[in-house]
All heavy atoms as atom14 arrays in JSON, in Angstrom:
{
  "sequence": "APGKQRDLVARIISGGSTDYTDSVKGRFTISRDNAKNT",
  "atom14_mask": [
    [1, 1, 1, 1, 1, 0, 0, 0, 0, 0, 0, 0, 0, 0],
    [1, 1, 1, 1, 1, 1, 1, 0, 0, 0, 0, 0, 0, 0],
    [1, 1, 1, 1, 0, 0, 0, 0, 0, 0, 0, 0, 0, 0],
    [1, 1, 1, 1, 1, 1, 1, 1, 1, 0, 0, 0, 0, 0],
    [1, 1, 1, 1, 1, 1, 1, 1, 1, 0, 0, 0, 0, 0],
    [1, 1, 1, 1, 1, 1, 1, 1, 1, 1, 1, 0, 0, 0],
    [1, 1, 1, 1, 1, 1, 1, 1, 0, 0, 0, 0, 0, 0],
    [1, 1, 1, 1, 1, 1, 1, 1, 0, 0, 0, 0, 0, 0],
    [1, 1, 1, 1, 1, 1, 1, 0, 0, 0, 0, 0, 0, 0],
    [1, 1, 1, 1, 1, 0, 0, 0, 0, 0, 0, 0, 0, 0],
    [1, 1, 1, 1, 1, 1, 1, 1, 1, 1, 1, 0, 0, 0],
    [1, 1, 1, 1, 1, 1, 1, 1, 0, 0, 0, 0, 0, 0],
    [1, 1, 1, 1, 1, 1, 1, 1, 0, 0, 0, 0, 0, 0],
    [1, 1, 1, 1, 1, 1, 0, 0, 0, 0, 0, 0, 0, 0],
    [1, 1, 1, 1, 0, 0, 0, 0, 0, 0, 0, 0, 0, 0],
    [1, 1, 1, 1, 0, 0, 0, 0, 0, 0, 0, 0, 0, 0],
    [1, 1, 1, 1, 1, 1, 0, 0, 0, 0, 0, 0, 0, 0],
    [1, 1, 1, 1, 1, 1, 1, 0, 0, 0, 0, 0, 0, 0],
    [1, 1, 1, 1, 1, 1, 1, 1, 0, 0, 0, 0, 0, 0],
    [1, 1, 1, 1, 1, 1, 1, 1, 1, 1, 1, 1, 0, 0],
    [1, 1, 1, 1, 1, 1, 1, 0, 0, 0, 0, 0, 0, 0],
    [1, 1, 1, 1, 1, 1, 1, 1, 0, 0, 0, 0, 0, 0],
    [1, 1, 1, 1, 1, 1, 0, 0, 0, 0, 0, 0, 0, 0],
    [1, 1, 1, 1, 1, 1, 1, 0, 0, 0, 0, 0, 0, 0],
    [1, 1, 1, 1, 1, 1, 1, 1, 1, 0, 0, 0, 0, 0],
    [1, 1, 1, 1, 0, 0, 0, 0, 0, 0, 0, 0, 0, 0],
    [1, 1, 1, 1, 1, 1, 1, 1, 1, 1, 1, 0, 0, 0],
    [1, 1, 1, 1, 1, 1, 1, 1, 1, 1, 1, 0, 0, 0],
    [1, 1, 1, 1, 1, 1, 1, 0, 0, 0, 0, 0, 0, 0],
    [1, 1, 1, 1, 1, 1, 1, 1, 0, 0, 0, 0, 0, 0],
    [1, 1, 1, 1, 1, 1, 0, 0, 0, 0, 0, 0, 0, 0],
    [1, 1, 1, 1, 1, 1, 1, 1, 1, 1, 1, 0, 0, 0],
    [1, 1, 1, 1, 1, 1, 1, 1, 0, 0, 0, 0, 0, 0],
    [1, 1, 1, 1, 1, 1, 1, 1, 0, 0, 0, 0, 0, 0],
    [1, 1, 1, 1, 1, 0, 0, 0, 0, 0, 0, 0, 0, 0],
    [1, 1, 1, 1, 1, 1, 1, 1, 1, 0, 0, 0, 0, 0],
    [1, 1, 1, 1, 1, 1, 1, 1, 0, 0, 0, 0, 0, 0],
    [1, 1, 1, 1, 1, 1, 1, 0, 0, 0, 0, 0, 0, 0]
  ],
  "atom14_positions": [
    [[-5.52, -7.62, 11.79], [-5.76, -9.05, 12.18], [-6.61, -9.14, 13.54], [-6.54, -8.11, 14.34], [-4.5, -9.8, 12.34], [0.0, 0.0, 0.0], [0.0, 0.0, 0.0], [0.0, 0.0, 0.0], [0.0, 0.0, 0.0], [0.0, 0.0, 0.0], [0.0, 0.0, 0.0], [0.0, 0.0, 0.0], [0.0, 0.0, 0.0], [0.0, 0.0, 0.0]],
    [[-7.16, -10.21, 13.8], [-8.04, -10.31, 15.04], [-7.02, -10.04, 16.25], [-6.03, -10.62, 16.37], [-8.48, -11.69, 14.94], [-8.62, -12.05, 13.54], [-7.44, -11.45, 12.93], [0.0, 0.0, 0.0], [0.0, 0.0, 0.0], [0.0, 0.0, 0.0], [0.0, 0.0, 0.0], [0.0, 0.0, 0.0], [0.0, 0.0, 0.0], [0.0, 0.0, 0.0]],
    [[-7.64, -9.11, 17.12], [-6.77, -8.88, 18.38], [-5.66, -8.02, 18.16], [-4.9, -7.82, 19.2], [0.0, 0.0, 0.0], [0.0, 0.0, 0.0], [0.0, 0.0, 0.0], [0.0, 0.0, 0.0], [0.0, 0.0, 0.0], [0.0, 0.0, 0.0], [0.0, 0.0, 0.0], [0.0, 0.0, 0.0], [0.0, 0.0, 0.0], [0.0, 0.0, 0.0]],
    [[-5.38, -7.42, 16.95], [-4.32, -6.61, 16.77], [-4.71, -5.25, 16.32], [-5.87, -5.07, 15.83], [-3.34, -7.32, 15.75], [-2.73, -8.64, 16.2], [-1.64, -9.14, 15.26], [-1.08, -10.41, 15.84], [0.08, -10.99, 14.86], [0.0, 0.0, 0.0], [0.0, 0.0, 0.0], [0.0, 0.0, 0.0], [0.0, 0.0, 0.0], [0.0, 0.0, 0.0]],
    [[-3.69, -4.25, 16.24], [-4.05, -2.98, 15.88], [-3.98, -2.97, 14.28], [-3.46, -3.81, 13.58], [-2.96, -1.92, 16.33], [-1.67, -2.15, 15.85], [-0.58, -1.13, 16.45], [-0.84, -0.69, 17.53], [0.49, -0.94, 15.81], [0.0, 0.0, 0.0], [0.0, 0.0, 0.0], [0.0, 0.0, 0.0], [0.0, 0.0, 0.0], [0.0, 0.0, 0.0]],
    [[-4.62, -1.89, 13.8], [-4.59, -1.66, 12.25], [-3.17, -1.05, 11.85], [-2.75, -0.04, 12.44], [-5.73, -0.76, 11.97], [-5.94, -0.64, 10.5], [-7.28, 0.17, 10.09], [-8.44, -0.37, 10.79], [-9.65, 0.15, 10.45], [-9.79, 1.19, 9.79], [-10.78, -0.38, 11.09], [0.0, 0.0, 0.0], [0.0, 0.0, 0.0], [0.0, 0.0, 0.0]],
    [[-2.63, -1.66, 10.95], [-1.22, -1.28, 10.58], [-1.14, -1.1, 9.01], [-1.93, -1.61, 8.24], [-0.26, -2.41, 10.84], [0.05, -2.6, 12.35], [-0.01, -1.59, 13.02], [0.1, -3.75, 12.8], [0.0, 0.0, 0.0], [0.0, 0.0, 0.0], [0.0, 0.0, 0.0], [0.0, 0.0, 0.0], [0.0, 0.0, 0.0], [0.0, 0.0, 0.0]],
    [[-0.32, -0.1, 8.69], [-0.1, 0.29, 7.34], [0.58, -0.92, 6.63], [1.5, -1.53, 7.07], [0.87, 1.39, 7.22], [1.4, 1.88, 5.78], [0.07, 2.43, 5.08], [2.45, 2.94, 6.04], [0.0, 0.0, 0.0], [0.0, 0.0, 0.0], [0.0, 0.0, 0.0], [0.0, 0.0, 0.0], [0.0, 0.0, 0.0], [0.0, 0.0, 0.0]],
    [[-0.02, -1.18, 5.38], [0.59, -2.28, 4.48], [1.4, -1.52, 3.43], [2.51, -1.94, 3.13], [-0.48, -3.2, 3.86], [0.12, -4.13, 2.98], [-1.28, -3.8, 4.99], [0.0, 0.0, 0.0], [0.0, 0.0, 0.0], [0.0, 0.0, 0.0], [0.0, 0.0, 0.0], [0.0, 0.0, 0.0], [0.0, 0.0, 0.0], [0.0, 0.0, 0.0]],
    [[0.83, -0.67, 2.79], [1.36, 0.07, 1.62], [0.75, 1.39, 1.38], [-0.42, 1.47, 1.65], [1.43, -0.79, 0.35], [0.0, 0.0, 0.0], [0.0, 0.0, 0.0], [0.0, 0.0, 0.0], [0.0, 0.0, 0.0], [0.0, 0.0, 0.0], [0.0, 0.0, 0.0], [0.0, 0.0, 0.0], [0.0, 0.0, 0.0], [0.0, 0.0, 0.0]],
    [[1.48, 2.23, 0.79], [0.79, 3.56, 0.43], [1.5, 4.02, -0.85], [2.61, 3.7, -1.21], [1.16, 4.62, 1.55], [2.5, 4.96, 1.87], [2.5, 6.1, 2.9], [3.9, 6.55, 3.11], [4.22, 7.56, 3.8], [3.33, 8.35, 4.31], [5.45, 7.9, 3.89], [0.0, 0.0, 0.0], [0.0, 0.0, 0.0], [0.0, 0.0, 0.0]],
    [[0.66, 4.79, -1.54], [1.2, 5.4, -2.86], [0.87, 6.95, -2.79], [-0.33, 7.35, -2.54], [0.47, 4.81, -4.08], [1.12, 5.37, -5.38], [-0.99, 4.91, -4.0], [0.87, 4.45, -6.56], [0.0, 0.0, 0.0], [0.0, 0.0, 0.0], [0.0, 0.0, 0.0], [0.0, 0.0, 0.0], [0.0, 0.0, 0.0], [0.0, 0.0, 0.0]],
    [[1.89, 7.78, -3.14], [1.78, 9.26, -2.97], [1.2, 9.62, -4.47], [1.43, 8.89, -5.39], [3.08, 9.79, -2.68], [3.68, 9.13, -1.57], [2.87, 11.27, -2.41], [2.87, 9.14, -0.26], [0.0, 0.0, 0.0], [0.0, 0.0, 0.0], [0.0, 0.0, 0.0], [0.0, 0.0, 0.0], [0.0, 0.0, 0.0], [0.0, 0.0, 0.0]],
    [[0.74, 10.86, -4.39], [0.12, 11.38, -5.72], [1.13, 11.33, -6.85], [0.84, 11.2, -8.02], [-0.48, 12.73, -5.54], [0.52, 13.64, -5.14], [0.0, 0.0, 0.0], [0.0, 0.0, 0.0], [0.0, 0.0, 0.0], [0.0, 0.0, 0.0], [0.0, 0.0, 0.0], [0.0, 0.0, 0.0], [0.0, 0.0, 0.0], [0.0, 0.0, 0.0]],
    [[2.37, 11.53, -6.6], [3.42, 11.61, -7.62], [3.9, 10.14, -8.04], [4.74, 10.12, -8.97], [0.0, 0.0, 0.0], [0.0, 0.0, 0.0], [0.0, 0.0, 0.0], [0.0, 0.0, 0.0], [0.0, 0.0, 0.0], [0.0, 0.0, 0.0], [0.0, 0.0, 0.0], [0.0, 0.0, 0.0], [0.0, 0.0, 0.0], [0.0, 0.0, 0.0]],
    [[3.42, 9.21, -7.38], [3.68, 7.86, -7.78], [4.53, 7.06, -6.87], [4.76, 5.84, -7.0], [0.0, 0.0, 0.0], [0.0, 0.0, 0.0], [0.0, 0.0, 0.0], [0.0, 0.0, 0.0], [0.0, 0.0, 0.0], [0.0, 0.0, 0.0], [0.0, 0.0, 0.0], [0.0, 0.0, 0.0], [0.0, 0.0, 0.0], [0.0, 0.0, 0.0]],
    [[5.29, 7.78, -6.04], [6.17, 6.97, -5.03], [5.35, 6.08, -4.12], [4.21, 6.4, -3.78], [7.11, 7.9, -4.35], [6.31, 8.71, -3.51], [0.0, 0.0, 0.0], [0.0, 0.0, 0.0], [0.0, 0.0, 0.0], [0.0, 0.0, 0.0], [0.0, 0.0, 0.0], [0.0, 0.0, 0.0], [0.0, 0.0, 0.0], [0.0, 0.0, 0.0]],
    [[6.06, 5.04, -3.64], [5.41, 3.94, -2.88], [6.27, 3.73, -1.72], [7.52, 3.72, -1.62], [5.06, 2.76, -3.64], [6.35, 2.22, -4.24], [4.19, 3.07, -4.81], [0.0, 0.0, 0.0], [0.0, 0.0, 0.0], [0.0, 0.0, 0.0], [0.0, 0.0, 0.0], [0.0, 0.0, 0.0], [0.0, 0.0, 0.0], [0.0, 0.0, 0.0]],
    [[5.63, 3.16, -0.6], [6.1, 2.64, 0.52], [5.44, 1.35, 0.94], [4.23, 1.35, 0.79], [6.1, 3.62, 1.79], [6.88, 4.83, 1.62], [8.06, 4.75, 1.15], [6.33, 5.9, 1.71], [0.0, 0.0, 0.0], [0.0, 0.0, 0.0], [0.0, 0.0, 0.0], [0.0, 0.0, 0.0], [0.0, 0.0, 0.0], [0.0, 0.0, 0.0]],
    [[6.23, 0.4, 1.57], [5.71, -0.92, 2.0], [6.2, -1.17, 3.32], [7.36, -0.94, 3.69], [6.06, -1.98, 1.05], [5.56, -1.86, -0.35], [6.31, -1.17, -1.39], [4.35, -2.47, -0.89], [5.78, -0.96, -2.59], [3.94, -2.17, -2.07], [4.5, -1.55, -3.0], [4.15, -1.38, -4.25], [0.0, 0.0, 0.0], [0.0, 0.0, 0.0]],
    [[5.39, -1.91, 4.13], [5.8, -2.46, 5.35], [6.73, -3.47, 5.03], [6.81, -4.26, 3.99], [4.76, -2.93, 6.33], [5.17, -3.25, 7.54], [3.98, -4.2, 5.68], [0.0, 0.0, 0.0], [0.0, 0.0, 0.0], [0.0, 0.0, 0.0], [0.0, 0.0, 0.0], [0.0, 0.0, 0.0], [0.0, 0.0, 0.0], [0.0, 0.0, 0.0]],
    [[7.8, -3.8, 5.87], [8.94, -4.75, 5.5], [8.29, -6.12, 5.21], [8.86, -6.81, 4.39], [9.94, -4.79, 6.65], [10.73, -3.71, 6.67], [10.87, -2.92, 5.72], [11.46, -3.47, 7.75], [0.0, 0.0, 0.0], [0.0, 0.0, 0.0], [0.0, 0.0, 0.0], [0.0, 0.0, 0.0], [0.0, 0.0, 0.0], [0.0, 0.0, 0.0]],
    [[7.16, -6.54, 5.84], [6.85, -7.93, 5.72], [6.22, -8.25, 4.44], [5.99, -9.41, 4.0], [5.81, -8.27, 6.93], [4.71, -7.61, 6.71], [0.0, 0.0, 0.0], [0.0, 0.0, 0.0], [0.0, 0.0, 0.0], [0.0, 0.0, 0.0], [0.0, 0.0, 0.0], [0.0, 0.0, 0.0], [0.0, 0.0, 0.0], [0.0, 0.0, 0.0]],
    [[5.88, -7.29, 3.6], [5.3, -7.49, 2.42], [6.07, -7.04, 1.24], [5.66, -7.24, -0.01], [3.8, -6.74, 2.21], [2.99, -7.16, 3.39], [3.96, -5.24, 2.1], [0.0, 0.0, 0.0], [0.0, 0.0, 0.0], [0.0, 0.0, 0.0], [0.0, 0.0, 0.0], [0.0, 0.0, 0.0], [0.0, 0.0, 0.0], [0.0, 0.0, 0.0]],
    [[7.34, -6.43, 1.43], [8.08, -5.94, 0.35], [8.57, -7.23, -0.47], [8.91, -8.18, -0.07], [9.4, -5.31, 0.96], [9.18, -3.94, 1.55], [10.29, -3.39, 2.1], [10.12, -1.96, 2.7], [11.41, -1.39, 3.23], [0.0, 0.0, 0.0], [0.0, 0.0, 0.0], [0.0, 0.0, 0.0], [0.0, 0.0, 0.0], [0.0, 0.0, 0.0]],
    [[8.44, -6.99, -1.88], [8.68, -7.95, -2.85], [7.64, -8.85, -3.12], [7.62, -9.72, -4.07], [0.0, 0.0, 0.0], [0.0, 0.0, 0.0], [0.0, 0.0, 0.0], [0.0, 0.0, 0.0], [0.0, 0.0, 0.0], [0.0, 0.0, 0.0], [0.0, 0.0, 0.0], [0.0, 0.0, 0.0], [0.0, 0.0, 0.0], [0.0, 0.0, 0.0]],
    [[6.46, -8.78, -2.24], [5.29, -9.77, -2.58], [4.11, -8.97, -2.97], [3.29, -9.42, -3.77], [5.05, -10.44, -1.25], [6.11, -11.36, -0.71], [5.57, -12.26, 0.33], [5.24, -11.54, 1.63], [4.09, -11.61, 2.02], [3.19, -12.5, 1.6], [3.8, -11.09, 3.21], [0.0, 0.0, 0.0], [0.0, 0.0, 0.0], [0.0, 0.0, 0.0]],
    [[3.82, -7.66, -2.37], [2.84, -6.77, -2.65], [3.14, -5.65, -3.53], [4.27, -5.11, -3.44], [2.19, -6.37, -1.34], [1.58, -7.36, -0.46], [1.62, -8.78, -0.72], [0.83, -7.09, 0.63], [0.93, -9.64, 0.05], [0.12, -7.9, 1.37], [0.17, -9.37, 1.24], [0.0, 0.0, 0.0], [0.0, 0.0, 0.0], [0.0, 0.0, 0.0]],
    [[2.22, -5.18, -4.29], [2.47, -4.01, -5.04], [1.19, -3.13, -5.1], [0.05, -3.69, -5.43], [2.71, -4.42, -6.68], [3.82, -5.31, -6.62], [2.95, -3.13, -7.41], [0.0, 0.0, 0.0], [0.0, 0.0, 0.0], [0.0, 0.0, 0.0], [0.0, 0.0, 0.0], [0.0, 0.0, 0.0], [0.0, 0.0, 0.0], [0.0, 0.0, 0.0]],
    [[1.35, -1.92, -4.7], [0.29, -0.93, -4.7], [0.36, -0.09, -5.96], [1.46, 0.25, -6.43], [0.28, 0.01, -3.55], [-0.97, 0.76, -3.29], [1.63, 0.83, -3.29], [-1.19, 1.57, -2.01], [0.0, 0.0, 0.0], [0.0, 0.0, 0.0], [0.0, 0.0, 0.0], [0.0, 0.0, 0.0], [0.0, 0.0, 0.0], [0.0, 0.0, 0.0]],
    [[-0.84, 0.2, -6.54], [-0.92, 0.99, -7.78], [-2.17, 1.89, -7.78], [-3.06, 1.54, -7.04], [-0.8, 0.16, -9.03], [-1.93, -0.8, -9.05], [0.0, 0.0, 0.0], [0.0, 0.0, 0.0], [0.0, 0.0, 0.0], [0.0, 0.0, 0.0], [0.0, 0.0, 0.0], [0.0, 0.0, 0.0], [0.0, 0.0, 0.0], [0.0, 0.0, 0.0]],
    [[-2.3, 2.81, -8.49], [-3.36, 3.81, -8.58], [-3.74, 3.97, -9.95], [-2.88, 4.36, -10.88], [-3.29, 4.99, -7.66], [-2.19, 5.83, -8.07], [-1.99, 7.01, -7.13], [-3.04, 7.98, -6.96], [-3.22, 8.99, -6.01], [-2.25, 8.83, -4.93], [-4.13, 9.72, -5.81], [0.0, 0.0, 0.0], [0.0, 0.0, 0.0], [0.0, 0.0, 0.0]],
    [[-5.02, 3.95, -10.37], [-5.52, 4.37, -11.74], [-6.43, 5.59, -11.45], [-7.56, 5.44, -11.2], [-6.24, 3.16, -12.3], [-6.56, 3.56, -13.73], [-6.8, 4.67, -14.13], [-6.78, 2.51, -14.54], [0.0, 0.0, 0.0], [0.0, 0.0, 0.0], [0.0, 0.0, 0.0], [0.0, 0.0, 0.0], [0.0, 0.0, 0.0], [0.0, 0.0, 0.0]],
    [[-5.79, 6.79, -11.67], [-6.62, 8.0, -11.3], [-7.85, 8.14, -12.3], [-8.93, 8.62, -11.97], [-5.77, 9.16, -11.57], [-4.8, 9.29, -10.37], [-4.94, 8.79, -9.26], [-3.69, 9.96, -10.63], [0.0, 0.0, 0.0], [0.0, 0.0, 0.0], [0.0, 0.0, 0.0], [0.0, 0.0, 0.0], [0.0, 0.0, 0.0], [0.0, 0.0, 0.0]],
    [[-7.79, 7.57, -13.48], [-8.87, 7.58, -14.53], [-10.05, 6.83, -14.07], [-11.13, 7.15, -14.37], [-8.37, 7.1, -15.86], [0.0, 0.0, 0.0], [0.0, 0.0, 0.0], [0.0, 0.0, 0.0], [0.0, 0.0, 0.0], [0.0, 0.0, 0.0], [0.0, 0.0, 0.0], [0.0, 0.0, 0.0], [0.0, 0.0, 0.0], [0.0, 0.0, 0.0]],
    [[-9.75, 5.77, -13.26], [-10.78, 4.85, -12.82], [-11.1, 5.1, -11.28], [-11.98, 4.45, -10.74], [-10.46, 3.48, -12.98], [-10.25, 2.95, -14.39], [-10.04, 1.61, -14.52], [-9.86, 0.98, -16.05], [-9.6, -0.32, -16.08], [0.0, 0.0, 0.0], [0.0, 0.0, 0.0], [0.0, 0.0, 0.0], [0.0, 0.0, 0.0], [0.0, 0.0, 0.0]],
    [[-10.51, 6.1, -10.77], [-10.74, 6.43, -9.29], [-10.42, 5.07, -8.42], [-11.24, 4.94, -7.56], [-12.04, 6.97, -9.07], [-12.25, 8.49, -9.79], [-11.25, 9.11, -9.86], [-13.35, 8.61, -10.31], [0.0, 0.0, 0.0], [0.0, 0.0, 0.0], [0.0, 0.0, 0.0], [0.0, 0.0, 0.0], [0.0, 0.0, 0.0], [0.0, 0.0, 0.0]],
    [[-9.49, 4.43, -8.71], [-9.21, 2.95, -8.09], [-7.72, 2.93, -7.72], [-6.9, 3.37, -8.39], [-9.66, 1.96, -9.06], [-11.07, 2.12, -9.44], [-9.44, 0.58, -8.3], [0.0, 0.0, 0.0], [0.0, 0.0, 0.0], [0.0, 0.0, 0.0], [0.0, 0.0, 0.0], [0.0, 0.0, 0.0], [0.0, 0.0, 0.0], [0.0, 0.0, 0.0]]
  ]
}
């Protein structure tokens, strides 16, 4: 955000496990499609 540092929102490990910052838990979902490199 303007004037703030860059912070982690969500991450996904190659095995599929995920982590979220507390403020987005239950609202945001991270996913990966390896076939589409996305």
